[in-house]
Structures are given as structure tokens and as C-alpha cells.
Amino acid sequence: MLGALRGSGGALLRGGRLAAAPGARLSSSAGGYILMDYGYVEGMLVKRAPHRAAHLAHWQPEFESGAIRLAGAYSPAEDALFIFYGTTREWIEARAQTDPYCVAGLVTSVKTKEWSVVAGADFSSPQGAPRDYATSCGLILL
């Protein structure tokens, strides 16, 4: 089952600064965002219960380091999305293979792709886009 989980890439960001998760190798593309999408089995809300605590603990170091910016299931819980910054797709995919949800067969697919953000607030600042940069570009921040 784990061999079938090979995706197409990934990235990490944390605490307003570029940070690699332990063991992650930074690359020339490590400065951007990478999205990871999990496809879930039918009935995930019920089936995940015995694995949820271990799943959250698995990703906790990446949340603490800032590698994962946001993560959560869609509604209904047929898929989930993770937003990473500052690492490689290969590292994210390898880490996903050891996620308790994947090991238990609850994840049917793992897809990663680089995401070029062109509008909106940057997660690296608590207030969104850095005000100095926005002001220099003539943007009005509300």
C-alpha cells in the first residue's frame, strides 16, 4: 500500500522564517509553498478515530518548526490539504508514507505540487503581508 502513495512533490514554512523540518534537505525551490492533498477512504470521520492522536503527533514537529503552515480536512472529509513551505516535495512525500493514516490504509492518494502565490496575505507575518513591502508597492491594507 505504501508504494502506491508516491505523489508528485512538496514544501515547508514556519514562524515567519524559512525552516526545514528535521532531516529535510533544502533545494533551490525550497523558498516557495508546496501543497499536499490527501485522498481519504469513504467513512474517514469514523475510521480515523483510533489513529487520529498518532496522526496529529506525527505532524506536530512540522507544526512546531513552522514547516506546516495550515492543514485540515475539507468538508465533507473526503480529502485533506496541507500547506508547507521551505522543504522539498520528496521529503514531504517520504514523511507522508509514515503518517499513521497512510500506514493504516486510510489515505488513498498523496499529491504534492508547488504553489506560486501571487495575491493575498503571506503566512510569514501574523498580520498577513508585511506592511513595509505592501506600502512600498502602493497597496492599501485594511
N, C-alpha and C. Protein backbone atom coordinates (compact mmCIF):
# COMPACT_ATOMS: atom_id res chain seq x y z
N MET A 1 0.82 -1.20 0.00
CA MET A 1 0.00 0.00 0.00
C MET A 1 0.86 1.26 0.00
N LEU A 2 1.93 1.30 0.78
CA LEU A 2 2.74 2.50 0.86
C LEU A 2 3.37 2.86 -0.47
N GLY A 3 3.76 1.87 -1.27
CA GLY A 3 4.35 2.17 -2.57
C GLY A 3 3.39 2.93 -3.46
N ALA A 4 2.09 2.71 -3.29
CA ALA A 4 1.08 3.38 -4.10
C ALA A 4 0.89 4.83 -3.67
N LEU A 5 1.51 5.25 -2.57
CA LEU A 5 1.31 6.60 -2.07
C LEU A 5 2.30 7.60 -2.63
N ARG A 6 3.14 7.21 -3.54
CA ARG A 6 4.09 8.16 -4.12
C ARG A 6 3.32 9.27 -4.82
N GLY A 7 3.64 10.50 -4.47
CA GLY A 7 2.95 11.64 -5.04
C GLY A 7 3.82 12.35 -6.05
N SER A 8 3.63 13.67 -6.15
CA SER A 8 4.37 14.44 -7.15
C SER A 8 5.17 15.59 -6.57
N GLY A 9 5.37 15.72 -5.23
CA GLY A 9 6.24 16.75 -4.67
C GLY A 9 5.78 17.40 -3.38
N GLY A 10 6.53 18.46 -2.75
CA GLY A 10 6.14 19.12 -1.50
C GLY A 10 7.05 20.23 -0.98
N ALA A 11 6.61 21.11 0.05
CA ALA A 11 7.41 22.22 0.64
C ALA A 11 6.97 22.62 2.04
N LEU A 12 7.80 23.39 2.84
CA LEU A 12 7.52 23.76 4.24
C LEU A 12 7.83 25.22 4.63
N LEU A 13 7.12 25.84 5.60
CA LEU A 13 7.38 27.19 6.14
C LEU A 13 6.89 27.31 7.58
N ARG A 14 7.59 28.07 8.47
CA ARG A 14 7.17 28.16 9.87
C ARG A 14 7.65 29.42 10.55
N GLY A 15 6.82 30.01 11.40
CA GLY A 15 7.20 31.12 12.25
C GLY A 15 7.76 32.34 11.53
N GLY A 16 7.34 32.58 10.28
CA GLY A 16 7.81 33.73 9.56
C GLY A 16 9.21 33.60 8.99
N ARG A 17 9.81 32.43 9.11
CA ARG A 17 11.15 32.25 8.55
C ARG A 17 11.24 30.89 7.87
N LEU A 18 12.09 30.83 6.89
CA LEU A 18 12.33 29.59 6.18
C LEU A 18 12.93 28.59 7.14
N ALA A 19 12.30 27.43 7.26
CA ALA A 19 12.81 26.42 8.18
C ALA A 19 12.56 25.05 7.60
N ALA A 20 13.56 24.23 7.64
CA ALA A 20 13.40 22.86 7.19
C ALA A 20 13.08 21.98 8.38
N ALA A 21 12.24 21.02 8.16
CA ALA A 21 11.95 20.06 9.21
C ALA A 21 13.19 19.20 9.44
N PRO A 22 13.31 18.58 10.60
CA PRO A 22 14.49 17.75 10.88
C PRO A 22 14.73 16.74 9.76
N GLY A 23 15.92 16.72 9.23
CA GLY A 23 16.28 15.77 8.19
C GLY A 23 15.91 16.22 6.79
N ALA A 24 15.20 17.33 6.67
CA ALA A 24 14.80 17.80 5.34
C ALA A 24 15.97 18.46 4.64
N ARG A 25 16.03 18.28 3.34
CA ARG A 25 17.07 18.92 2.54
C ARG A 25 16.45 20.08 1.78
N LEU A 26 17.00 21.26 1.95
CA LEU A 26 16.52 22.42 1.22
C LEU A 26 17.02 22.37 -0.21
N SER A 27 16.25 22.91 -1.11
CA SER A 27 16.65 22.95 -2.50
C SER A 27 16.43 24.35 -3.04
N SER A 28 16.76 24.56 -4.28
CA SER A 28 16.57 25.88 -4.88
C SER A 28 15.10 26.26 -4.92
N SER A 29 14.21 25.30 -4.89
CA SER A 29 12.78 25.60 -4.90
C SER A 29 12.19 25.63 -3.50
N ALA A 30 13.04 25.53 -2.47
CA ALA A 30 12.55 25.44 -1.10
C ALA A 30 12.03 26.76 -0.57
N GLY A 31 12.09 27.83 -1.32
CA GLY A 31 11.59 29.10 -0.84
C GLY A 31 10.11 29.29 -1.03
N GLY A 32 9.44 28.38 -1.70
CA GLY A 32 8.03 28.56 -2.01
C GLY A 32 7.14 27.59 -1.26
N TYR A 33 5.88 27.75 -1.51
CA TYR A 33 4.88 26.90 -0.88
C TYR A 33 4.71 25.60 -1.66
N ILE A 34 4.39 24.57 -0.96
CA ILE A 34 4.05 23.29 -1.57
C ILE A 34 2.77 22.79 -0.92
N LEU A 35 1.84 22.38 -1.74
CA LEU A 35 0.57 21.84 -1.27
C LEU A 35 0.63 20.32 -1.30
N MET A 36 0.06 19.70 -0.29
CA MET A 36 -0.09 18.24 -0.30
C MET A 36 -1.56 17.94 -0.06
N ASP A 37 -2.11 17.13 -0.94
CA ASP A 37 -3.51 16.73 -0.85
C ASP A 37 -3.57 15.24 -0.54
N TYR A 38 -4.30 14.90 0.50
CA TYR A 38 -4.58 13.50 0.84
C TYR A 38 -5.97 13.16 0.33
N GLY A 39 -6.11 12.05 -0.38
CA GLY A 39 -7.41 11.50 -0.69
C GLY A 39 -7.75 10.50 0.43
N TYR A 40 -8.93 10.57 0.96
CA TYR A 40 -9.33 9.70 2.08
C TYR A 40 -10.28 8.60 1.63
N VAL A 41 -10.29 7.52 2.41
CA VAL A 41 -11.25 6.44 2.19
C VAL A 41 -12.65 6.94 2.56
N GLU A 42 -13.65 6.26 2.06
CA GLU A 42 -15.02 6.58 2.42
C GLU A 42 -15.21 6.30 3.92
N GLY A 43 -15.94 7.16 4.59
CA GLY A 43 -16.20 6.99 6.01
C GLY A 43 -15.02 7.39 6.89
N MET A 44 -14.20 8.30 6.42
CA MET A 44 -12.97 8.68 7.12
C MET A 44 -13.23 9.19 8.53
N LEU A 45 -14.27 9.96 8.74
CA LEU A 45 -14.52 10.52 10.07
C LEU A 45 -14.63 9.44 11.14
N VAL A 46 -15.21 8.32 10.79
CA VAL A 46 -15.35 7.21 11.75
C VAL A 46 -14.07 6.38 11.79
N LYS A 47 -13.51 6.09 10.60
CA LYS A 47 -12.35 5.20 10.51
C LYS A 47 -11.07 5.81 11.09
N ARG A 48 -10.99 7.14 11.12
CA ARG A 48 -9.76 7.77 11.61
C ARG A 48 -9.63 7.76 13.12
N ALA A 49 -10.72 7.58 13.85
CA ALA A 49 -10.73 7.74 15.30
C ALA A 49 -9.58 7.02 16.03
N PRO A 50 -9.31 5.74 15.76
CA PRO A 50 -8.23 5.09 16.52
C PRO A 50 -6.82 5.55 16.12
N HIS A 51 -6.71 6.31 15.04
CA HIS A 51 -5.39 6.73 14.53
C HIS A 51 -5.16 8.24 14.64
N ARG A 52 -6.18 8.98 15.03
CA ARG A 52 -6.11 10.46 14.98
C ARG A 52 -5.01 11.03 15.87
N ALA A 53 -4.91 10.59 17.11
CA ALA A 53 -3.89 11.13 18.02
C ALA A 53 -2.48 10.87 17.46
N ALA A 54 -2.25 9.67 16.94
CA ALA A 54 -0.93 9.35 16.38
C ALA A 54 -0.66 10.17 15.12
N HIS A 55 -1.69 10.39 14.30
CA HIS A 55 -1.55 11.22 13.09
C HIS A 55 -1.15 12.64 13.46
N LEU A 56 -1.84 13.23 14.44
CA LEU A 56 -1.52 14.59 14.86
C LEU A 56 -0.12 14.67 15.47
N ALA A 57 0.25 13.67 16.26
CA ALA A 57 1.60 13.63 16.85
C ALA A 57 2.67 13.49 15.77
N HIS A 58 2.36 12.74 14.73
CA HIS A 58 3.30 12.55 13.62
C HIS A 58 3.70 13.88 12.99
N TRP A 59 2.73 14.76 12.78
CA TRP A 59 2.99 16.04 12.12
C TRP A 59 3.34 17.16 13.09
N GLN A 60 3.24 16.95 14.40
CA GLN A 60 3.49 18.00 15.39
C GLN A 60 4.86 18.68 15.23
N PRO A 61 5.95 17.94 15.01
CA PRO A 61 7.25 18.62 14.85
C PRO A 61 7.26 19.62 13.69
N GLU A 62 6.54 19.31 12.62
CA GLU A 62 6.49 20.22 11.48
C GLU A 62 5.66 21.46 11.80
N PHE A 63 4.62 21.31 12.62
CA PHE A 63 3.86 22.48 13.05
C PHE A 63 4.72 23.35 13.95
N GLU A 64 5.43 22.74 14.87
CA GLU A 64 6.27 23.49 15.80
C GLU A 64 7.43 24.18 15.12
N SER A 65 7.98 23.58 14.08
CA SER A 65 9.10 24.19 13.36
C SER A 65 8.65 25.23 12.35
N GLY A 66 7.36 25.25 12.04
CA GLY A 66 6.85 26.18 11.05
C GLY A 66 6.80 25.61 9.65
N ALA A 67 7.18 24.36 9.48
CA ALA A 67 7.17 23.74 8.16
C ALA A 67 5.76 23.61 7.61
N ILE A 68 4.81 23.26 8.45
CA ILE A 68 3.40 23.21 8.02
C ILE A 68 2.76 24.52 8.45
N ARG A 69 2.19 25.22 7.48
CA ARG A 69 1.54 26.49 7.77
C ARG A 69 0.08 26.30 8.12
N LEU A 70 -0.61 25.46 7.39
CA LEU A 70 -2.02 25.15 7.63
C LEU A 70 -2.26 23.71 7.20
N ALA A 71 -3.21 23.05 7.82
CA ALA A 71 -3.59 21.70 7.41
C ALA A 71 -4.99 21.41 7.92
N GLY A 72 -5.72 20.62 7.16
CA GLY A 72 -7.05 20.22 7.62
C GLY A 72 -7.82 19.53 6.52
N ALA A 73 -8.88 18.87 6.94
CA ALA A 73 -9.75 18.15 6.01
C ALA A 73 -10.75 19.11 5.39
N TYR A 74 -11.14 18.78 4.17
CA TYR A 74 -12.23 19.50 3.53
C TYR A 74 -13.53 19.05 4.19
N SER A 75 -14.61 19.75 3.89
CA SER A 75 -15.92 19.35 4.40
C SER A 75 -16.80 19.07 3.19
N PRO A 76 -17.29 17.85 3.02
CA PRO A 76 -17.11 16.68 3.87
C PRO A 76 -15.67 16.15 3.79
N ALA A 77 -15.32 15.33 4.76
CA ALA A 77 -13.93 14.85 4.90
C ALA A 77 -13.59 13.75 3.90
N GLU A 78 -13.55 14.14 2.62
CA GLU A 78 -13.16 13.21 1.55
C GLU A 78 -11.69 13.38 1.19
N ASP A 79 -11.14 14.54 1.51
CA ASP A 79 -9.75 14.89 1.22
C ASP A 79 -9.25 15.81 2.33
N ALA A 80 -7.93 16.03 2.34
CA ALA A 80 -7.34 16.99 3.26
C ALA A 80 -6.25 17.75 2.52
N LEU A 81 -5.95 18.95 2.98
CA LEU A 81 -4.94 19.79 2.38
C LEU A 81 -3.94 20.22 3.44
N PHE A 82 -2.64 20.13 3.10
CA PHE A 82 -1.55 20.62 3.93
C PHE A 82 -0.84 21.70 3.13
N ILE A 83 -0.45 22.80 3.78
CA ILE A 83 0.35 23.84 3.14
C ILE A 83 1.71 23.86 3.83
N PHE A 84 2.76 23.56 3.06
CA PHE A 84 4.13 23.52 3.54
C PHE A 84 4.93 24.67 2.93
N TYR A 85 6.07 24.97 3.54
CA TYR A 85 6.97 25.97 2.99
C TYR A 85 8.39 25.67 3.45
N GLY A 86 9.35 25.69 2.52
CA GLY A 86 10.75 25.64 2.87
C GLY A 86 11.41 24.28 2.86
N THR A 87 10.84 23.30 2.22
CA THR A 87 11.48 21.98 2.11
C THR A 87 11.23 21.44 0.71
N THR A 88 11.44 20.17 0.51
CA THR A 88 11.28 19.58 -0.83
C THR A 88 10.05 18.69 -0.91
N ARG A 89 9.59 18.52 -2.11
CA ARG A 89 8.45 17.63 -2.35
C ARG A 89 8.81 16.20 -1.96
N GLU A 90 10.03 15.81 -2.26
CA GLU A 90 10.46 14.43 -1.96
C GLU A 90 10.43 14.17 -0.46
N TRP A 91 10.89 15.14 0.32
CA TRP A 91 10.88 14.98 1.77
C TRP A 91 9.46 14.86 2.31
N ILE A 92 8.57 15.70 1.81
CA ILE A 92 7.17 15.67 2.25
C ILE A 92 6.53 14.33 1.92
N GLU A 93 6.75 13.85 0.70
CA GLU A 93 6.17 12.57 0.30
C GLU A 93 6.69 11.42 1.14
N ALA A 94 7.99 11.44 1.44
CA ALA A 94 8.57 10.39 2.28
C ALA A 94 7.98 10.45 3.69
N ARG A 95 7.80 11.65 4.21
CA ARG A 95 7.23 11.83 5.56
C ARG A 95 5.78 11.35 5.58
N ALA A 96 5.05 11.62 4.51
CA ALA A 96 3.65 11.20 4.43
C ALA A 96 3.53 9.68 4.49
N GLN A 97 4.46 8.96 3.90
CA GLN A 97 4.39 7.50 3.88
C GLN A 97 4.41 6.89 5.28
N THR A 98 4.96 7.62 6.25
CA THR A 98 5.00 7.11 7.63
C THR A 98 3.89 7.69 8.51
N ASP A 99 3.01 8.50 7.92
CA ASP A 99 1.87 9.03 8.66
C ASP A 99 0.97 7.85 9.06
N PRO A 100 0.55 7.77 10.32
CA PRO A 100 -0.32 6.68 10.74
C PRO A 100 -1.59 6.51 9.90
N TYR A 101 -2.14 7.58 9.35
CA TYR A 101 -3.28 7.45 8.45
C TYR A 101 -2.90 6.66 7.21
N CYS A 102 -1.72 6.93 6.65
CA CYS A 102 -1.26 6.22 5.45
C CYS A 102 -0.94 4.77 5.78
N VAL A 103 -0.26 4.55 6.87
CA VAL A 103 0.12 3.19 7.29
C VAL A 103 -1.13 2.34 7.51
N ALA A 104 -2.20 2.95 8.04
CA ALA A 104 -3.45 2.22 8.31
C ALA A 104 -4.32 2.05 7.06
N GLY A 105 -3.89 2.59 5.92
CA GLY A 105 -4.66 2.45 4.69
C GLY A 105 -5.82 3.41 4.57
N LEU A 106 -5.82 4.50 5.34
CA LEU A 106 -6.91 5.47 5.30
C LEU A 106 -6.72 6.54 4.23
N VAL A 107 -5.52 6.62 3.67
CA VAL A 107 -5.21 7.60 2.63
C VAL A 107 -5.09 6.85 1.30
N THR A 108 -5.91 7.25 0.33
CA THR A 108 -5.93 6.58 -0.96
C THR A 108 -4.99 7.20 -1.98
N SER A 109 -4.62 8.47 -1.76
CA SER A 109 -3.69 9.13 -2.67
C SER A 109 -2.99 10.27 -1.95
N VAL A 110 -1.77 10.53 -2.38
CA VAL A 110 -0.98 11.66 -1.89
C VAL A 110 -0.51 12.42 -3.12
N LYS A 111 -0.88 13.69 -3.22
CA LYS A 111 -0.47 14.51 -4.35
C LYS A 111 0.20 15.76 -3.81
N THR A 112 1.34 16.10 -4.36
CA THR A 112 2.01 17.34 -3.98
C THR A 112 2.27 18.17 -5.23
N LYS A 113 2.27 19.48 -5.04
CA LYS A 113 2.59 20.37 -6.15
C LYS A 113 3.05 21.70 -5.59
N GLU A 114 3.94 22.33 -6.33
CA GLU A 114 4.41 23.66 -5.96
C GLU A 114 3.30 24.66 -6.22
N TRP A 115 3.21 25.67 -5.34
CA TRP A 115 2.15 26.66 -5.42
C TRP A 115 2.78 28.04 -5.47
N SER A 116 2.55 28.76 -6.55
CA SER A 116 3.07 30.11 -6.71
C SER A 116 2.00 31.10 -6.25
N VAL A 117 2.21 31.68 -5.09
CA VAL A 117 1.26 32.63 -4.53
C VAL A 117 1.50 33.99 -5.17
N VAL A 118 0.47 34.56 -5.78
CA VAL A 118 0.61 35.85 -6.44
C VAL A 118 -0.27 36.93 -5.81
N ALA A 119 -1.18 36.55 -4.94
CA ALA A 119 -2.05 37.53 -4.29
C ALA A 119 -2.44 37.01 -2.92
N GLY A 120 -2.72 37.94 -2.03
CA GLY A 120 -3.17 37.56 -0.70
C GLY A 120 -2.08 37.77 0.33
N ALA A 121 -2.43 37.49 1.56
CA ALA A 121 -1.50 37.68 2.67
C ALA A 121 -0.52 36.52 2.75
N ASP A 122 0.72 36.85 3.05
CA ASP A 122 1.76 35.85 3.25
C ASP A 122 1.67 35.34 4.67
N PHE A 123 1.72 34.04 4.87
CA PHE A 123 1.60 33.45 6.19
C PHE A 123 2.80 33.76 7.08
N SER A 124 3.86 34.34 6.53
CA SER A 124 5.06 34.56 7.33
C SER A 124 4.91 35.73 8.29
N SER A 125 3.87 36.51 8.18
CA SER A 125 3.63 37.63 9.08
C SER A 125 2.30 37.43 9.79
N PRO A 126 2.24 37.64 11.09
CA PRO A 126 0.96 37.46 11.80
C PRO A 126 -0.15 38.33 11.26
N GLN A 127 0.19 39.49 10.70
CA GLN A 127 -0.82 40.39 10.17
C GLN A 127 -1.05 40.18 8.68
N GLY A 128 -0.41 39.20 8.09
CA GLY A 128 -0.54 38.99 6.66
C GLY A 128 0.70 39.50 5.96
N ALA A 129 0.52 40.14 4.81
CA ALA A 129 1.66 40.65 4.05
C ALA A 129 2.39 41.70 4.87
N PRO A 130 3.71 41.69 4.85
CA PRO A 130 4.47 42.71 5.58
C PRO A 130 4.05 44.11 5.15
N ARG A 131 3.73 44.95 6.11
CA ARG A 131 3.21 46.28 5.80
C ARG A 131 4.22 47.14 5.06
N ASP A 132 5.51 47.06 5.40
CA ASP A 132 6.51 47.87 4.71
C ASP A 132 6.52 47.55 3.22
N TYR A 133 6.50 46.28 2.88
CA TYR A 133 6.52 45.87 1.49
C TYR A 133 5.24 46.32 0.80
N ALA A 134 4.10 46.07 1.45
CA ALA A 134 2.82 46.42 0.85
C ALA A 134 2.73 47.93 0.60
N THR A 135 3.17 48.72 1.56
CA THR A 135 3.14 50.17 1.41
C THR A 135 4.04 50.62 0.27
N SER A 136 5.23 50.00 0.16
CA SER A 136 6.15 50.39 -0.91
C SER A 136 5.58 50.06 -2.28
N CYS A 137 4.67 49.12 -2.34
CA CYS A 137 4.05 48.75 -3.62
C CYS A 137 2.79 49.56 -3.87
N GLY A 138 2.43 50.46 -2.94
CA GLY A 138 1.24 51.28 -3.12
C GLY A 138 -0.05 50.55 -2.73
N LEU A 139 0.07 49.47 -2.00
CA LEU A 139 -1.13 48.74 -1.59
C LEU A 139 -1.73 49.37 -0.34
N ILE A 140 -3.03 49.35 -0.25
CA ILE A 140 -3.72 49.85 0.95
C ILE A 140 -4.18 48.62 1.70
N LEU A 141 -3.72 48.48 2.93
CA LEU A 141 -4.08 47.33 3.75
C LEU A 141 -5.20 47.71 4.70
N LEU A 142 -6.26 46.95 4.70
CA LEU A 142 -7.39 47.23 5.59
C LEU A 142 -7.30 46.40 6.84
